[in-house]
Every structure is written in C-alpha cells, then in structure tokens.
Amino acid sequence: MSNLAQRPPLGLKQKKKKKDPKHLEYIRSLPCCVCQAFYEVQLSPTAAHHTIHDRFSTGKTSDSLAIPLCEGHHQGLWDKSKLAIHEHPKKWREKYGEDYNFIGKFKSMKS
C-alpha cells in the first residue's frame, strides 16, 4: 500500500522547512505587491509575508512562498491607511483575493 497522505510514519516529525534569509531580504527590497496591483501609494516599508490563506496548519509556509507587503497591508500596526491581512484576513481576501495568488507576480522581477 502506498503512502497516500505523503506523510512520515506516526511518531516521526516532518522535515522542517529550510529558511532562506537571502530570499527574504530580496522580498523586503521589493515594493508592496498589493499597492502595485491596486495602484495604491505605498506609505510604509515592505515586509516579507508568509502566505496564510487556505493553509491547513499553524506552521509558516516556506520562505520561498513569501510575498512583499507594505506594513499597512501586512500587520497594520502603524500604517492604518490600508487593510491589514493579519488584522482582517477575511475582509482582506474579499478585497484583494487570496494572498498566495501574488506569489508569481514578482518572481519574474528577480534577476
């Protein structure tokens, strides 16, 4: 019988996702993908956001799947001019769509 769930046997932990600080640094150097897509003015620095929509666990997604979001679209702690994904994930999804849809939009910019 094959392993249909693609999981290790019970009692064994799955491999941890490899961290990629250089990629996260690259992501932070980009403009906010939501501000770019919706023609909004970016008023705060860019942060690397690990996608959360349709994630089936509490663990972070891989660093390679992080997207560039300004602080307003990400946490919204001091830039209150935008809808922050971590404050209102359902409203954010209704307005901008799933966060993982922005993954491929900036990959072509990478040299």
N, C-alpha and C. Protein backbone atom coordinates (compact mmCIF):
# COMPACT_ATOMS: atom_id res chain seq x y z
N MET A 1 0.85 -1.19 0.00
CA MET A 1 0.00 0.00 0.00
C MET A 1 0.89 1.24 0.00
N SER A 2 0.53 2.22 -0.79
CA SER A 2 1.34 3.43 -0.88
C SER A 2 0.94 4.44 0.20
N ASN A 3 1.80 5.40 0.40
CA ASN A 3 1.57 6.45 1.39
C ASN A 3 0.73 7.55 0.74
N LEU A 4 -0.59 7.44 0.84
CA LEU A 4 -1.49 8.37 0.17
C LEU A 4 -1.46 9.77 0.75
N ALA A 5 -1.16 9.89 2.04
CA ALA A 5 -1.15 11.20 2.69
C ALA A 5 0.18 11.91 2.52
N GLN A 6 1.19 11.24 1.97
CA GLN A 6 2.52 11.83 1.79
C GLN A 6 3.08 12.35 3.11
N ARG A 7 2.89 11.57 4.17
CA ARG A 7 3.36 11.94 5.49
C ARG A 7 4.28 10.85 6.04
N PRO A 8 5.18 11.22 6.94
CA PRO A 8 6.04 10.20 7.53
C PRO A 8 5.24 9.29 8.46
N PRO A 9 5.76 8.13 8.80
CA PRO A 9 5.06 7.24 9.73
C PRO A 9 4.79 7.96 11.05
N LEU A 10 3.74 7.52 11.75
CA LEU A 10 3.40 8.13 13.04
C LEU A 10 4.60 8.15 13.97
N GLY A 11 4.75 9.21 14.70
CA GLY A 11 5.85 9.34 15.64
C GLY A 11 7.08 10.02 15.05
N LEU A 12 7.16 10.12 13.74
CA LEU A 12 8.28 10.80 13.09
C LEU A 12 7.84 12.18 12.64
N LYS A 13 8.67 13.16 12.89
CA LYS A 13 8.34 14.54 12.51
C LYS A 13 8.68 14.77 11.05
N GLN A 14 7.91 15.65 10.44
CA GLN A 14 8.22 16.05 9.07
C GLN A 14 9.45 16.93 9.08
N LYS A 15 10.14 16.97 7.94
CA LYS A 15 11.31 17.82 7.83
C LYS A 15 10.90 19.28 7.98
N LYS A 16 11.74 20.06 8.67
CA LYS A 16 11.47 21.49 8.82
C LYS A 16 11.75 22.19 7.50
N LYS A 17 10.98 23.21 7.24
CA LYS A 17 11.20 23.99 6.02
C LYS A 17 12.52 24.74 6.14
N LYS A 18 13.25 24.75 5.05
CA LYS A 18 14.55 25.41 5.02
C LYS A 18 14.36 26.93 5.00
N LYS A 19 15.06 27.61 5.89
CA LYS A 19 14.99 29.07 5.93
C LYS A 19 15.90 29.64 4.85
N ASP A 20 15.48 30.74 4.26
CA ASP A 20 16.23 31.37 3.18
C ASP A 20 16.31 32.88 3.43
N PRO A 21 17.23 33.31 4.32
CA PRO A 21 17.31 34.74 4.64
C PRO A 21 17.63 35.64 3.45
N LYS A 22 18.38 35.14 2.47
CA LYS A 22 18.69 35.95 1.29
C LYS A 22 17.43 36.22 0.47
N HIS A 23 16.58 35.22 0.36
CA HIS A 23 15.33 35.41 -0.38
C HIS A 23 14.42 36.39 0.35
N LEU A 24 14.34 36.27 1.67
CA LEU A 24 13.51 37.20 2.45
C LEU A 24 14.04 38.63 2.34
N GLU A 25 15.36 38.78 2.30
CA GLU A 25 15.96 40.11 2.11
C GLU A 25 15.57 40.67 0.74
N TYR A 26 15.60 39.79 -0.27
CA TYR A 26 15.18 40.20 -1.61
C TYR A 26 13.71 40.64 -1.61
N ILE A 27 12.85 39.87 -0.95
CA ILE A 27 11.42 40.18 -0.88
C ILE A 27 11.22 41.55 -0.24
N ARG A 28 11.95 41.83 0.83
CA ARG A 28 11.82 43.12 1.53
C ARG A 28 12.31 44.30 0.68
N SER A 29 13.12 44.02 -0.33
CA SER A 29 13.63 45.10 -1.19
C SER A 29 12.63 45.48 -2.29
N LEU A 30 11.58 44.68 -2.44
CA LEU A 30 10.58 44.93 -3.49
C LEU A 30 9.48 45.86 -2.99
N PRO A 31 8.77 46.50 -3.91
CA PRO A 31 7.59 47.27 -3.49
C PRO A 31 6.46 46.32 -3.11
N CYS A 32 5.50 46.81 -2.37
CA CYS A 32 4.33 46.02 -1.95
C CYS A 32 3.57 45.55 -3.19
N CYS A 33 3.34 44.25 -3.28
CA CYS A 33 2.66 43.71 -4.46
C CYS A 33 1.19 44.12 -4.53
N VAL A 34 0.56 44.36 -3.38
CA VAL A 34 -0.84 44.79 -3.38
C VAL A 34 -0.94 46.25 -3.80
N CYS A 35 -0.07 47.10 -3.26
CA CYS A 35 -0.07 48.51 -3.68
C CYS A 35 0.16 48.61 -5.19
N GLN A 36 1.06 47.81 -5.72
CA GLN A 36 1.34 47.82 -7.15
C GLN A 36 0.13 47.35 -7.95
N ALA A 37 -0.49 46.25 -7.53
CA ALA A 37 -1.60 45.67 -8.28
C ALA A 37 -2.86 46.53 -8.25
N PHE A 38 -3.06 47.26 -7.16
CA PHE A 38 -4.30 48.04 -7.00
C PHE A 38 -4.04 49.55 -7.07
N TYR A 39 -2.86 49.93 -7.56
CA TYR A 39 -2.50 51.33 -7.78
C TYR A 39 -2.67 52.18 -6.53
N GLU A 40 -2.20 51.63 -5.40
CA GLU A 40 -2.23 52.38 -4.14
C GLU A 40 -0.84 52.93 -3.86
N VAL A 41 -0.77 53.98 -3.09
CA VAL A 41 0.51 54.59 -2.74
C VAL A 41 1.07 53.85 -1.53
N GLN A 42 2.31 53.41 -1.65
CA GLN A 42 2.94 52.71 -0.53
C GLN A 42 3.52 53.73 0.43
N LEU A 43 3.04 53.71 1.69
CA LEU A 43 3.45 54.70 2.69
C LEU A 43 4.38 54.13 3.75
N SER A 44 4.66 52.83 3.70
CA SER A 44 5.47 52.20 4.74
C SER A 44 6.42 51.19 4.12
N PRO A 45 7.44 50.78 4.88
CA PRO A 45 8.42 49.81 4.35
C PRO A 45 7.78 48.46 4.04
N THR A 46 8.44 47.71 3.19
CA THR A 46 7.97 46.39 2.80
C THR A 46 8.45 45.33 3.78
N ALA A 47 7.56 44.38 4.08
CA ALA A 47 7.87 43.23 4.92
C ALA A 47 7.62 41.96 4.11
N ALA A 48 8.24 40.87 4.52
CA ALA A 48 8.01 39.57 3.88
C ALA A 48 6.84 38.89 4.58
N HIS A 49 5.80 38.60 3.84
CA HIS A 49 4.60 37.96 4.39
C HIS A 49 4.55 36.50 3.95
N HIS A 50 4.48 35.59 4.90
CA HIS A 50 4.30 34.17 4.60
C HIS A 50 2.80 33.92 4.42
N THR A 51 2.42 33.41 3.28
CA THR A 51 1.00 33.27 2.93
C THR A 51 0.22 32.48 3.98
N ILE A 52 -1.04 32.91 4.21
CA ILE A 52 -1.87 32.27 5.24
C ILE A 52 -3.20 31.75 4.70
N HIS A 53 -3.67 32.24 3.57
CA HIS A 53 -4.97 31.80 3.07
C HIS A 53 -4.91 30.34 2.62
N ASP A 54 -5.93 29.57 3.02
CA ASP A 54 -6.05 28.15 2.68
C ASP A 54 -4.90 27.30 3.18
N ARG A 55 -4.25 27.74 4.22
CA ARG A 55 -3.18 26.96 4.85
C ARG A 55 -3.84 26.01 5.83
N PHE A 56 -3.41 24.78 5.85
CA PHE A 56 -4.07 23.77 6.66
C PHE A 56 -3.33 23.44 7.94
N SER A 57 -2.50 24.34 8.41
CA SER A 57 -1.80 24.14 9.68
C SER A 57 -1.46 25.50 10.26
N THR A 58 -0.89 25.49 11.43
CA THR A 58 -0.49 26.76 12.05
C THR A 58 0.95 27.11 11.72
N GLY A 59 1.66 26.22 11.05
CA GLY A 59 3.05 26.48 10.69
C GLY A 59 3.17 27.46 9.54
N LYS A 60 4.30 28.15 9.48
CA LYS A 60 4.55 29.09 8.39
C LYS A 60 4.80 28.34 7.09
N THR A 61 4.45 28.98 6.00
CA THR A 61 4.81 28.42 4.70
C THR A 61 6.29 28.67 4.46
N SER A 62 6.82 28.06 3.44
CA SER A 62 8.23 28.18 3.11
C SER A 62 8.60 29.64 2.81
N ASP A 63 9.84 30.00 3.09
CA ASP A 63 10.32 31.34 2.78
C ASP A 63 10.22 31.63 1.28
N SER A 64 10.33 30.60 0.46
CA SER A 64 10.26 30.80 -0.99
C SER A 64 8.85 31.22 -1.44
N LEU A 65 7.86 31.06 -0.57
CA LEU A 65 6.49 31.44 -0.89
C LEU A 65 6.07 32.76 -0.26
N ALA A 66 7.01 33.48 0.33
CA ALA A 66 6.71 34.78 0.95
C ALA A 66 6.46 35.82 -0.14
N ILE A 67 5.60 36.79 0.18
CA ILE A 67 5.30 37.87 -0.76
C ILE A 67 5.61 39.21 -0.11
N PRO A 68 5.93 40.23 -0.93
CA PRO A 68 6.23 41.55 -0.38
C PRO A 68 4.95 42.35 -0.09
N LEU A 69 4.75 42.70 1.18
CA LEU A 69 3.61 43.54 1.57
C LEU A 69 4.14 44.72 2.38
N CYS A 70 3.56 45.89 2.15
CA CYS A 70 3.90 47.04 2.98
C CYS A 70 3.35 46.79 4.38
N GLU A 71 3.83 47.54 5.34
CA GLU A 71 3.39 47.34 6.72
C GLU A 71 1.88 47.53 6.85
N GLY A 72 1.31 48.42 6.08
CA GLY A 72 -0.13 48.66 6.13
C GLY A 72 -0.95 47.47 5.67
N HIS A 73 -0.50 46.80 4.62
CA HIS A 73 -1.22 45.62 4.14
C HIS A 73 -0.85 44.37 4.93
N HIS A 74 0.26 44.40 5.66
CA HIS A 74 0.71 43.22 6.40
C HIS A 74 0.17 43.20 7.83
N GLN A 75 0.74 43.99 8.71
CA GLN A 75 0.34 43.99 10.12
C GLN A 75 -0.60 45.14 10.47
N GLY A 76 -0.40 46.28 9.84
CA GLY A 76 -1.25 47.44 10.11
C GLY A 76 -1.07 48.01 11.50
N LEU A 77 0.14 47.90 12.04
CA LEU A 77 0.39 48.39 13.40
C LEU A 77 0.53 49.91 13.44
N TRP A 78 1.22 50.50 12.45
CA TRP A 78 1.36 51.96 12.47
C TRP A 78 0.89 52.61 11.18
N ASP A 79 0.74 51.85 10.10
CA ASP A 79 0.16 52.40 8.87
C ASP A 79 -1.30 51.94 8.83
N LYS A 80 -2.19 52.77 9.32
CA LYS A 80 -3.62 52.42 9.41
C LYS A 80 -4.39 52.81 8.15
N SER A 81 -3.68 53.26 7.11
CA SER A 81 -4.36 53.71 5.90
C SER A 81 -4.79 52.55 5.00
N LYS A 82 -4.34 51.34 5.30
CA LYS A 82 -4.62 50.18 4.46
C LYS A 82 -5.34 49.09 5.27
N LEU A 83 -5.86 48.10 4.58
CA LEU A 83 -6.48 46.93 5.20
C LEU A 83 -5.39 45.89 5.44
N ALA A 84 -5.10 45.56 6.69
CA ALA A 84 -4.01 44.64 7.04
C ALA A 84 -4.50 43.20 7.06
N ILE A 85 -3.73 42.32 6.42
CA ILE A 85 -4.13 40.92 6.32
C ILE A 85 -4.17 40.21 7.66
N HIS A 86 -3.27 40.57 8.58
CA HIS A 86 -3.26 39.90 9.89
C HIS A 86 -4.32 40.47 10.84
N GLU A 87 -4.88 41.62 10.54
CA GLU A 87 -5.96 42.17 11.36
C GLU A 87 -7.33 41.68 10.86
N HIS A 88 -7.49 41.65 9.55
CA HIS A 88 -8.79 41.29 8.96
C HIS A 88 -8.58 40.36 7.76
N PRO A 89 -8.20 39.10 7.99
CA PRO A 89 -7.90 38.21 6.86
C PRO A 89 -9.08 37.96 5.92
N LYS A 90 -10.28 37.88 6.44
CA LYS A 90 -11.45 37.63 5.57
C LYS A 90 -11.77 38.84 4.71
N LYS A 91 -11.76 40.04 5.31
CA LYS A 91 -12.01 41.26 4.54
C LYS A 91 -10.91 41.48 3.51
N TRP A 92 -9.66 41.19 3.92
CA TRP A 92 -8.51 41.34 3.00
C TRP A 92 -8.71 40.44 1.79
N ARG A 93 -9.14 39.20 2.04
CA ARG A 93 -9.35 38.24 0.95
C ARG A 93 -10.48 38.70 0.03
N GLU A 94 -11.55 39.25 0.59
CA GLU A 94 -12.66 39.73 -0.23
C GLU A 94 -12.23 40.89 -1.12
N LYS A 95 -11.39 41.76 -0.59
CA LYS A 95 -10.98 42.96 -1.34
C LYS A 95 -9.87 42.67 -2.35
N TYR A 96 -8.84 41.89 -1.94
CA TYR A 96 -7.66 41.69 -2.77
C TYR A 96 -7.51 40.28 -3.34
N GLY A 97 -8.26 39.31 -2.81
CA GLY A 97 -8.11 37.93 -3.26
C GLY A 97 -7.18 37.15 -2.33
N GLU A 98 -6.92 35.90 -2.66
CA GLU A 98 -6.05 35.06 -1.83
C GLU A 98 -4.63 35.58 -1.91
N ASP A 99 -3.94 35.56 -0.76
CA ASP A 99 -2.58 36.08 -0.73
C ASP A 99 -1.62 35.26 -1.58
N TYR A 100 -1.86 33.96 -1.72
CA TYR A 100 -0.95 33.13 -2.50
C TYR A 100 -1.02 33.41 -3.99
N ASN A 101 -2.06 34.12 -4.44
CA ASN A 101 -2.14 34.50 -5.85
C ASN A 101 -1.10 35.55 -6.24
N PHE A 102 -0.50 36.20 -5.26
CA PHE A 102 0.51 37.22 -5.54
C PHE A 102 1.92 36.64 -5.64
N ILE A 103 2.09 35.35 -5.36
CA ILE A 103 3.43 34.74 -5.36
C ILE A 103 4.12 34.88 -6.70
N GLY A 104 3.48 34.53 -7.77
CA GLY A 104 4.13 34.54 -9.08
C GLY A 104 4.28 35.91 -9.70
N LYS A 105 3.60 36.91 -9.18
CA LYS A 105 3.59 38.23 -9.80
C LYS A 105 4.92 38.96 -9.70
N PHE A 106 5.75 38.63 -8.72
CA PHE A 106 7.01 39.34 -8.56
C PHE A 106 8.21 38.45 -8.91
N LYS A 107 8.01 37.16 -9.09
CA LYS A 107 9.13 36.24 -9.36
C LYS A 107 9.84 36.62 -10.64
N SER A 108 9.13 37.12 -11.63
CA SER A 108 9.75 37.49 -12.90
C SER A 108 10.66 38.69 -12.75
N MET A 109 10.50 39.48 -11.67
CA MET A 109 11.34 40.64 -11.43
C MET A 109 12.72 40.24 -10.91
N LYS A 110 12.82 39.02 -10.38
CA LYS A 110 14.07 38.56 -9.77
C LYS A 110 15.09 38.29 -10.87
N SER A 111 16.30 38.79 -10.68
CA SER A 111 17.33 38.59 -11.71
C SER A 111 18.28 37.49 -11.32
